[in-house]
Amino acid sequence: MKEWFENLTVLEHVYFWLGIAATVFLIIQIVLMCFSSFGGDIDIDGDGDIDVDFDSGVSIFTVKSITAFFAVGSWAGLLTCSLAPAELHWLSVIIALIAGAAAMATVVFLLRALAKMQCNGIVQTEKLVGMRATVYVSVPANRSGRGKITLNAQGKFMELDAVTDGEKLVTDEMVEITAVENECTVVKRCVTEVTDV
C-alpha cells in the first residue's frame, strides 16, 4: 500500500486526497441527514443552496450535489489513471468530469423526488374545530388532566392531547373538538340524537 501510494503521480495524488475529503464529507452529510428531519425546507436544513432554484424548489448546486460530484469524480479519475497508460492520463479529467456530473444529476434527481413526496407536516389547528374524534386515553373531568384523542384530518392520522370542561370522557367515546388552546384540544361528548320509533 505504501509503495502504491508513493508511486502515484501528482494528478493521482490530487484525485486521491480530493476523493478522501469528499467521501468523508459525504458520509457525514448522510449521517446527519439520517438523524435530522428531512421534512423541512432544504434552505432551513443548512444545505448551503446557491440561489439557482427551479420549479421543484430544489437547487442544482447544493452542498450534497457538489460533494457527490467531487467524491465520484475523484474516484473515477483515479481509477482511470490507474488503468490507462501515462500518456492518456489527460483522459481521466474528462471521465472524472462526466462521472461527477452524473453523480450530481443523480443527487439532484433524488432530492427532487424526495421533495415531491414530502408534506409540510403543519397541522392547521383552527380547521380541527367542529371535527369529531375518538378518545384514545381517557380525558379527566373539568380540565384536571390531559387525555388523548385520535382522528383523521388534513390527510393524516393524528393523536392529540385533549382536555374537557365537562365530565370524564372514557376510551373509545366519540367527542367533538370545540377549541384548540396551547397545543391542546378542548373536547366535549358528542350528543347522539335519539329518534322515536
Protein backbone atom coordinates (compact mmCIF):
# COMPACT_ATOMS: atom_id res chain seq x y z
CA MET A 1 0.00 0.00 0.00
CA LYS A 2 2.80 2.39 0.93
CA GLU A 3 4.66 1.56 -2.28
CA TRP A 4 1.49 2.09 -4.36
CA PHE A 5 0.88 5.46 -2.69
CA GLU A 6 4.46 6.64 -3.23
CA ASN A 7 4.26 5.72 -6.93
CA LEU A 8 1.20 7.90 -7.57
CA THR A 9 1.61 10.83 -9.96
CA VAL A 10 0.72 14.39 -8.95
CA LEU A 11 -2.65 14.09 -10.70
CA GLU A 12 -3.36 10.80 -8.92
CA HIS A 13 -2.47 12.39 -5.57
CA VAL A 14 -4.93 15.21 -6.30
CA TYR A 15 -7.65 12.67 -7.15
CA PHE A 16 -6.84 10.58 -4.07
CA TRP A 17 -6.91 13.39 -1.48
CA LEU A 18 -9.91 15.11 -3.08
CA GLY A 19 -11.74 11.76 -3.13
CA ILE A 20 -10.93 11.07 0.53
CA ALA A 21 -12.07 14.54 1.66
CA ALA A 22 -15.26 14.49 -0.41
CA THR A 23 -16.16 10.93 0.64
CA VAL A 24 -15.71 11.71 4.35
CA PHE A 25 -17.81 14.86 3.96
CA LEU A 26 -20.47 12.90 2.05
CA ILE A 27 -20.65 10.26 4.80
CA ILE A 28 -21.03 12.99 7.43
CA GLN A 29 -23.87 14.53 5.40
CA ILE A 30 -25.64 11.17 5.09
CA VAL A 31 -25.34 10.51 8.83
CA LEU A 32 -26.62 14.00 9.67
CA MET A 33 -29.48 13.61 7.20
CA CYS A 34 -30.47 10.29 8.81
CA PHE A 35 -30.65 11.90 12.26
CA SER A 36 -32.41 15.08 11.22
CA SER A 37 -35.84 15.65 9.80
CA PHE A 38 -35.81 15.90 6.06
CA GLY A 39 -39.34 17.19 6.16
CA GLY A 40 -38.32 20.83 6.40
CA ASP A 41 -37.36 23.22 3.68
CA ILE A 42 -33.98 22.46 2.23
CA ASP A 43 -32.74 26.01 2.81
CA ILE A 44 -33.57 25.67 6.53
CA ASP A 45 -31.70 22.36 6.78
CA GLY A 46 -28.45 24.22 6.16
CA ASP A 47 -27.91 22.59 2.79
CA GLY A 48 -25.96 25.60 1.55
CA ASP A 49 -28.13 26.13 -1.50
CA ILE A 50 -26.97 28.60 -4.10
CA ASP A 51 -29.90 30.59 -5.47
CA VAL A 52 -30.37 28.67 -8.71
CA ASP A 53 -33.77 27.26 -7.80
CA PHE A 54 -36.15 25.73 -10.30
CA ASP A 55 -39.85 24.87 -10.20
CA SER A 56 -39.28 21.85 -7.96
CA GLY A 57 -37.81 24.03 -5.21
CA VAL A 58 -34.53 22.06 -5.20
CA SER A 59 -31.38 23.80 -6.38
CA ILE A 60 -28.86 22.10 -8.68
CA PHE A 61 -25.89 23.45 -6.74
CA THR A 62 -26.31 22.21 -3.18
CA VAL A 63 -23.63 21.03 -0.78
CA LYS A 64 -24.84 17.43 -1.28
CA SER A 65 -24.70 17.55 -5.07
CA ILE A 66 -21.31 19.30 -5.18
CA THR A 67 -19.90 16.82 -2.65
CA ALA A 68 -21.20 13.91 -4.76
CA PHE A 69 -19.61 15.50 -7.84
CA PHE A 70 -16.17 15.63 -6.20
CA ALA A 71 -16.42 12.24 -4.47
CA VAL A 72 -17.49 10.23 -7.53
CA GLY A 73 -15.47 12.29 -9.99
CA SER A 74 -12.25 11.95 -7.98
CA TRP A 75 -12.50 8.19 -7.60
CA ALA A 76 -13.43 7.79 -11.28
CA GLY A 77 -10.42 9.92 -12.25
CA LEU A 78 -8.08 7.92 -10.00
CA LEU A 79 -9.38 4.63 -11.40
CA THR A 80 -8.91 5.88 -14.97
CA CYS A 81 -5.35 6.97 -14.20
CA SER A 82 -4.51 3.58 -12.72
CA LEU A 83 -5.91 1.70 -15.74
CA ALA A 84 -4.78 3.99 -18.57
CA PRO A 85 -1.19 4.41 -19.75
CA ALA A 86 0.64 7.57 -18.65
CA GLU A 87 0.20 9.33 -22.00
CA LEU A 88 -3.60 9.02 -21.66
CA HIS A 89 -3.88 10.44 -18.12
CA TRP A 90 -5.49 13.58 -19.59
CA LEU A 91 -8.47 11.33 -20.39
CA SER A 92 -9.01 10.85 -16.67
CA VAL A 93 -10.01 14.52 -16.31
CA ILE A 94 -12.79 14.11 -18.88
CA ILE A 95 -14.02 10.87 -17.30
CA ALA A 96 -13.86 12.46 -13.83
CA LEU A 97 -15.98 15.40 -15.02
CA ILE A 98 -18.53 13.11 -16.70
CA ALA A 99 -18.78 10.78 -13.68
CA GLY A 100 -19.03 13.73 -11.29
CA ALA A 101 -21.74 15.37 -13.40
CA ALA A 102 -23.68 12.07 -13.47
CA ALA A 103 -23.44 11.79 -9.67
CA MET A 104 -24.52 15.41 -9.28
CA ALA A 105 -27.52 14.87 -11.57
CA THR A 106 -28.48 11.71 -9.65
CA VAL A 107 -28.40 13.54 -6.31
CA VAL A 108 -30.49 16.42 -7.69
CA PHE A 109 -33.00 13.92 -9.14
CA LEU A 110 -33.26 12.08 -5.79
CA LEU A 111 -33.64 15.32 -3.82
CA ARG A 112 -36.39 16.48 -6.18
CA ALA A 113 -38.16 13.13 -5.87
CA LEU A 114 -37.97 13.35 -2.07
CA ALA A 115 -39.22 16.95 -2.14
CA LYS A 116 -42.28 15.86 -4.14
CA MET A 117 -43.04 13.08 -1.66
CA GLN A 118 -42.77 15.19 1.46
CA CYS A 119 -45.61 17.14 3.01
CA ASN A 120 -45.11 20.23 5.14
CA GLY A 121 -46.36 18.44 8.28
CA ILE A 122 -48.01 21.58 9.65
CA VAL A 123 -51.33 20.93 11.31
CA GLN A 124 -53.78 23.79 10.83
CA THR A 125 -55.37 23.62 14.27
CA GLU A 126 -58.09 26.15 13.53
CA LYS A 127 -59.54 23.70 10.98
CA LEU A 128 -59.92 20.98 13.63
CA VAL A 129 -62.68 22.82 15.50
CA GLY A 130 -66.03 21.10 14.94
CA MET A 131 -64.47 17.78 13.90
CA ARG A 132 -65.27 14.50 15.62
CA ALA A 133 -62.65 12.31 17.20
CA THR A 134 -62.31 9.17 19.30
CA VAL A 135 -60.96 9.18 22.85
CA TYR A 136 -57.75 7.16 22.91
CA VAL A 137 -56.67 7.84 26.50
CA SER A 138 -59.38 8.83 29.00
CA VAL A 139 -59.82 12.59 29.37
CA PRO A 140 -60.19 13.65 33.06
CA ALA A 141 -63.16 15.84 34.02
CA ASN A 142 -63.04 19.64 34.34
CA ARG A 143 -59.55 20.07 32.88
CA SER A 144 -57.96 18.25 35.81
CA GLY A 145 -55.59 16.48 33.43
CA ARG A 146 -54.93 15.64 29.80
CA GLY A 147 -56.06 12.66 27.80
CA LYS A 148 -55.60 11.83 24.14
CA ILE A 149 -57.86 11.71 21.11
CA THR A 150 -57.35 10.28 17.64
CA LEU A 151 -58.81 11.41 14.33
CA ASN A 152 -58.16 11.55 10.61
CA ALA A 153 -57.80 15.13 9.42
CA GLN A 154 -55.85 17.08 6.82
CA GLY A 155 -54.84 13.88 5.08
CA LYS A 156 -53.21 12.24 8.08
CA PHE A 157 -53.97 10.22 11.21
CA MET A 158 -53.44 12.37 14.31
CA GLU A 159 -53.10 11.73 18.01
CA LEU A 160 -53.65 14.91 20.02
CA ASP A 161 -53.72 15.92 23.67
CA ALA A 162 -57.21 16.75 24.93
CA VAL A 163 -58.99 18.32 27.91
CA THR A 164 -62.69 18.73 28.65
CA ASP A 165 -64.81 21.19 30.65
CA GLY A 166 -67.39 18.53 31.47
CA GLU A 167 -67.44 15.00 32.84
CA LYS A 168 -64.73 12.42 32.35
CA LEU A 169 -64.54 11.03 28.81
CA VAL A 170 -63.68 7.34 28.55
CA THR A 171 -61.73 5.41 25.94
CA ASP A 172 -63.46 4.85 22.57
CA GLU A 173 -66.04 7.57 23.26
CA MET A 174 -66.90 9.91 20.37
CA VAL A 175 -66.13 13.57 21.06
CA GLU A 176 -66.26 16.87 19.22
CA ILE A 177 -63.40 19.37 19.20
CA THR A 178 -64.68 22.75 20.42
CA ALA A 179 -61.38 24.67 20.59
CA VAL A 180 -57.61 24.37 20.42
CA GLU A 181 -55.67 26.07 23.22
CA ASN A 182 -51.94 25.92 23.86
CA GLU A 183 -51.42 22.95 21.54
CA CYS A 184 -54.17 21.03 23.32
CA THR A 185 -57.68 20.34 22.04
CA VAL A 186 -60.76 21.11 24.10
CA VAL A 187 -63.41 18.44 23.51
CA LYS A 188 -66.95 17.64 24.54
CA ARG A 189 -69.03 14.48 24.43
CA CYS A 190 -70.97 14.06 21.17
CA VAL A 191 -74.69 14.13 21.80
CA THR A 192 -76.37 11.31 19.94
CA GLU A 193 -79.82 12.08 18.71
CA VAL A 194 -82.49 9.61 19.80
CA THR A 195 -85.34 9.21 17.34
CA ASP A 196 -88.75 7.83 18.27
CA VAL A 197 -89.66 4.53 16.70
